[in-house]
Amino acid sequence: MTAATTLTLYHHPHSRSAGTRVMLEELVLEDAGADYRIELVDLQAGDQRKPEFLALNPLGKIPTLVDGDTVVTEQVAIHLYLADRFPASGLAPAIGEPGRGSYLRWMVYYASCFEPAVVDRSMKREPAARATSPYGDFDTMLDALTAQIGRGTWMLGERFSAADVLWGSALNWTMRFGLVPESPVLRAYVERATARPAFQRAAELDAALLAPA
């Protein structure tokens, strides 16, 4: 057996990188050939604005993933990269495989529609005119997402994928803080996702990371 590839995740548990840690734990538990280390980014201390971090990610954002000489930023891009980088995990339909288009659609929907809608709503801003808004209006955006999730156990039906790591983490967080209204469909989906061993393990590791010395 070849040695596992060690990745570095620049991370803080109270950020979007929490979902990326779950993704990495899925790879580890699936024995997909990946291992990782954490570089804690202390957001309160301003680590994200230090020159050495800005050299990796000029926007000063986490998650930021380093794989050898490759640096990947943006939450969705990292999930897509990891699922394709470690195909033995089975977390992404391969190119040409049924479900690949739907998988890509709902991965990108998170960044292109869901996040802009949630941010506008949380800031009490009206969406742009429908002709220019990336998501139309909040209710239409959420209804489309809920309908897709309601079609099966997971985003792609009965197949668990990286899309469920992304959406399970995002909906868990946004519903907890009232940024997205709860519904029976979304609540049941989040409970299925967060019951997985990778979610549980990531939560335990993050709690230990923040525990007082």
Protein backbone atom coordinates (compact mmCIF):
# COMPACT_ATOMS: atom_id res chain seq x y z
CA MET A 1 0.00 0.00 0.00
CA THR A 2 1.36 3.43 -0.91
CA ALA A 3 1.64 6.13 1.73
CA ALA A 4 -1.33 8.44 2.09
CA THR A 5 -1.07 11.93 0.64
CA THR A 6 -0.86 14.51 3.42
CA LEU A 7 -2.86 17.67 2.83
CA THR A 8 -2.82 20.87 4.88
CA LEU A 9 -6.08 22.61 5.79
CA TYR A 10 -5.95 26.18 7.05
CA HIS A 11 -8.89 26.06 9.39
CA HIS A 12 -10.94 27.43 12.23
CA PRO A 13 -13.90 25.42 13.56
CA HIS A 14 -16.16 28.50 13.68
CA SER A 15 -15.98 29.13 9.95
CA ARG A 16 -16.87 27.62 6.60
CA SER A 17 -13.83 25.38 6.89
CA ALA A 18 -15.72 23.21 9.40
CA GLY A 19 -17.43 21.52 6.46
CA THR A 20 -14.09 21.00 4.72
CA ARG A 21 -12.81 19.15 7.78
CA VAL A 22 -15.82 16.84 7.51
CA MET A 23 -14.93 16.25 3.87
CA LEU A 24 -11.38 15.31 4.84
CA GLU A 25 -12.66 12.98 7.55
CA GLU A 26 -14.87 11.26 4.95
CA LEU A 27 -11.74 10.62 2.87
CA VAL A 28 -9.82 9.29 5.86
CA LEU A 29 -12.63 7.00 7.00
CA GLU A 30 -13.11 5.71 3.46
CA ASP A 31 -9.37 4.89 3.33
CA ALA A 32 -9.20 6.79 0.04
CA GLY A 33 -5.47 7.52 0.26
CA ALA A 34 -5.68 10.90 2.00
CA ASP A 35 -4.38 12.18 5.29
CA TYR A 36 -4.28 15.76 6.50
CA ARG A 37 -2.92 18.17 9.03
CA ILE A 38 -4.51 21.31 10.45
CA GLU A 39 -3.04 24.79 10.53
CA LEU A 40 -5.24 26.71 12.95
CA VAL A 41 -6.02 30.23 11.73
CA ASP A 42 -6.87 32.35 14.77
CA LEU A 43 -9.45 34.70 13.31
CA GLN A 44 -9.71 36.81 16.47
CA ALA A 45 -5.94 37.36 16.46
CA GLY A 46 -6.00 38.31 12.78
CA ASP A 47 -3.96 35.38 11.48
CA GLN A 48 -5.92 35.57 8.22
CA ARG A 49 -4.36 38.96 7.50
CA LYS A 50 -0.75 37.92 8.07
CA PRO A 51 1.49 38.18 4.97
CA GLU A 52 2.35 34.46 4.99
CA PHE A 53 -1.32 33.52 4.84
CA LEU A 54 -2.19 36.21 2.28
CA ALA A 55 0.53 34.74 0.08
CA LEU A 56 -1.61 31.59 -0.09
CA ASN A 57 -5.00 33.26 -0.24
CA PRO A 58 -4.95 36.99 -1.04
CA LEU A 59 -8.56 37.34 0.16
CA GLY A 60 -7.57 36.13 3.63
CA LYS A 61 -10.30 33.49 3.68
CA ILE A 62 -10.63 30.00 5.03
CA PRO A 63 -10.88 27.21 4.15
CA THR A 64 -7.62 27.15 2.23
CA LEU A 65 -6.21 23.77 1.22
CA VAL A 66 -2.62 22.98 0.25
CA ASP A 67 -1.81 19.76 -1.61
CA GLY A 68 1.91 19.77 -2.41
CA ASP A 69 2.41 22.76 -4.71
CA THR A 70 -1.30 23.16 -5.33
CA VAL A 71 -3.32 25.71 -3.38
CA VAL A 72 -7.11 25.47 -3.55
CA THR A 73 -9.40 28.14 -2.16
CA GLU A 74 -13.20 28.57 -2.19
CA GLN A 75 -15.30 26.10 -0.28
CA VAL A 76 -17.04 24.50 -3.25
CA ALA A 77 -13.82 24.24 -5.26
CA ILE A 78 -12.13 22.43 -2.37
CA HIS A 79 -14.95 19.87 -2.11
CA LEU A 80 -14.89 19.29 -5.86
CA TYR A 81 -11.10 19.02 -5.88
CA LEU A 82 -10.93 16.53 -3.03
CA ALA A 83 -13.67 14.27 -4.38
CA ASP A 84 -11.96 14.08 -7.78
CA ARG A 85 -8.44 13.93 -6.32
CA PHE A 86 -9.35 10.82 -4.31
CA PRO A 87 -11.80 8.88 -6.50
CA ALA A 88 -11.56 5.77 -4.31
CA SER A 89 -13.79 7.61 -1.84
CA GLY A 90 -16.73 7.38 -4.25
CA LEU A 91 -17.76 10.91 -3.23
CA ALA A 92 -18.25 12.15 -6.79
CA PRO A 93 -19.75 10.64 -9.93
CA ALA A 94 -16.98 10.33 -12.51
CA ILE A 95 -17.03 12.32 -15.74
CA GLY A 96 -19.51 10.61 -18.05
CA GLU A 97 -21.20 8.77 -15.19
CA PRO A 98 -24.94 9.29 -14.63
CA GLY A 99 -25.47 11.87 -11.95
CA ARG A 100 -22.35 13.92 -12.73
CA GLY A 101 -24.35 16.80 -14.16
CA SER A 102 -26.76 16.92 -11.24
CA TYR A 103 -23.83 16.69 -8.81
CA LEU A 104 -22.09 19.67 -10.41
CA ARG A 105 -25.33 21.61 -10.61
CA TRP A 106 -26.07 21.39 -6.90
CA MET A 107 -22.49 21.94 -5.84
CA VAL A 108 -22.29 25.18 -7.79
CA TYR A 109 -25.82 26.18 -6.72
CA TYR A 110 -24.46 26.58 -3.19
CA ALA A 111 -22.01 29.33 -4.16
CA SER A 112 -23.94 30.93 -7.01
CA CYS A 113 -27.44 31.02 -5.48
CA PHE A 114 -27.67 29.88 -1.86
CA GLU A 115 -24.90 31.95 -0.27
CA PRO A 116 -25.80 35.22 -2.04
CA ALA A 117 -29.45 34.75 -1.06
CA VAL A 118 -28.64 33.97 2.57
CA VAL A 119 -26.27 36.93 2.86
CA ASP A 120 -28.79 39.35 1.34
CA ARG A 121 -31.52 38.08 3.66
CA SER A 122 -29.32 38.23 6.77
CA MET A 123 -28.33 41.82 5.91
CA LYS A 124 -31.99 42.70 5.24
CA ARG A 125 -31.13 43.68 1.68
CA GLU A 126 -33.56 43.31 -1.17
CA PRO A 127 -32.28 41.08 -3.98
CA ALA A 128 -31.23 42.72 -7.19
CA ALA A 129 -33.76 42.98 -10.00
CA ARG A 130 -34.67 39.50 -11.25
CA ALA A 131 -32.87 40.13 -14.55
CA THR A 132 -29.57 40.59 -12.69
CA SER A 133 -30.02 38.62 -9.44
CA PRO A 134 -28.02 35.36 -9.34
CA TYR A 135 -30.82 33.63 -7.40
CA GLY A 136 -34.09 35.38 -8.27
CA ASP A 137 -35.63 35.59 -4.81
CA PHE A 138 -34.97 33.79 -1.53
CA ASP A 139 -38.14 31.68 -1.46
CA THR A 140 -37.70 30.44 -5.03
CA MET A 141 -34.08 29.56 -4.31
CA LEU A 142 -34.96 27.63 -1.14
CA ASP A 143 -37.98 25.90 -2.67
CA ALA A 144 -35.82 24.53 -5.51
CA LEU A 145 -33.24 23.23 -3.04
CA THR A 146 -35.85 21.67 -0.77
CA ALA A 147 -37.53 19.95 -3.70
CA GLN A 148 -34.24 18.38 -4.78
CA ILE A 149 -33.42 17.16 -1.28
CA GLY A 150 -36.93 15.80 -0.86
CA ARG A 151 -36.52 13.45 -3.83
CA GLY A 152 -34.37 10.94 -1.97
CA THR A 153 -32.16 10.20 0.98
CA TRP A 154 -29.33 12.35 -0.38
CA MET A 155 -28.84 15.13 -2.88
CA LEU A 156 -28.31 12.60 -5.68
CA GLY A 157 -31.04 10.24 -4.53
CA GLU A 158 -29.68 7.23 -2.67
CA ARG A 159 -25.99 7.99 -3.32
CA PHE A 160 -24.09 9.96 -0.70
CA SER A 161 -21.61 12.39 -2.24
CA ALA A 162 -19.47 15.42 -1.55
CA ALA A 163 -22.59 17.48 -2.25
CA ASP A 164 -24.08 16.11 0.97
CA VAL A 165 -20.98 17.04 2.96
CA LEU A 166 -21.29 20.58 1.62
CA TRP A 167 -25.05 20.94 2.06
CA GLY A 168 -25.29 19.00 5.32
CA SER A 169 -22.72 21.32 6.88
CA ALA A 170 -24.19 24.49 5.40
CA LEU A 171 -27.80 23.79 6.30
CA ASN A 172 -26.86 22.63 9.79
CA TRP A 173 -25.13 25.94 10.43
CA THR A 174 -27.59 28.27 8.71
CA MET A 175 -30.68 26.70 10.29
CA ARG A 176 -29.05 26.69 13.74
CA PHE A 177 -28.62 30.46 13.54
CA GLY A 178 -31.99 31.15 11.94
CA LEU A 179 -30.55 32.23 8.62
CA VAL A 180 -32.60 29.58 6.81
CA PRO A 181 -36.08 28.60 8.00
CA GLU A 182 -36.45 25.00 9.12
CA SER A 183 -38.70 22.55 7.36
CA PRO A 184 -39.28 18.83 8.00
CA VAL A 185 -37.43 17.93 4.79
CA LEU A 186 -34.37 20.03 5.57
CA ARG A 187 -34.26 19.05 9.25
CA ALA A 188 -34.40 15.32 8.43
CA TYR A 189 -31.68 15.75 5.82
CA VAL A 190 -29.37 17.54 8.24
CA GLU A 191 -29.94 14.88 10.88
CA ARG A 192 -29.00 12.14 8.40
CA ALA A 193 -25.86 13.98 7.35
CA THR A 194 -24.62 14.93 10.81
CA ALA A 195 -25.17 11.38 12.10
CA ARG A 196 -22.44 10.11 9.78
CA PRO A 197 -19.16 9.12 11.48
CA ALA A 198 -17.16 11.77 9.61
CA PHE A 199 -19.38 14.57 10.90
CA GLN A 200 -19.15 13.21 14.42
CA ARG A 201 -15.39 12.76 14.26
CA ALA A 202 -14.82 16.25 12.83
CA ALA A 203 -16.92 17.78 15.63
CA GLU A 204 -14.90 15.91 18.27
CA LEU A 205 -11.57 16.98 16.75
CA ASP A 206 -12.67 20.59 16.47
CA ALA A 207 -13.84 20.64 20.09
CA ALA A 208 -10.44 19.31 21.16
CA LEU A 209 -8.70 21.89 18.97
CA LEU A 210 -10.44 24.76 20.78
CA ALA A 211 -10.28 23.26 24.27
CA PRO A 212 -8.19 25.26 26.78
CA ALA A 213 -4.66 23.97 27.12
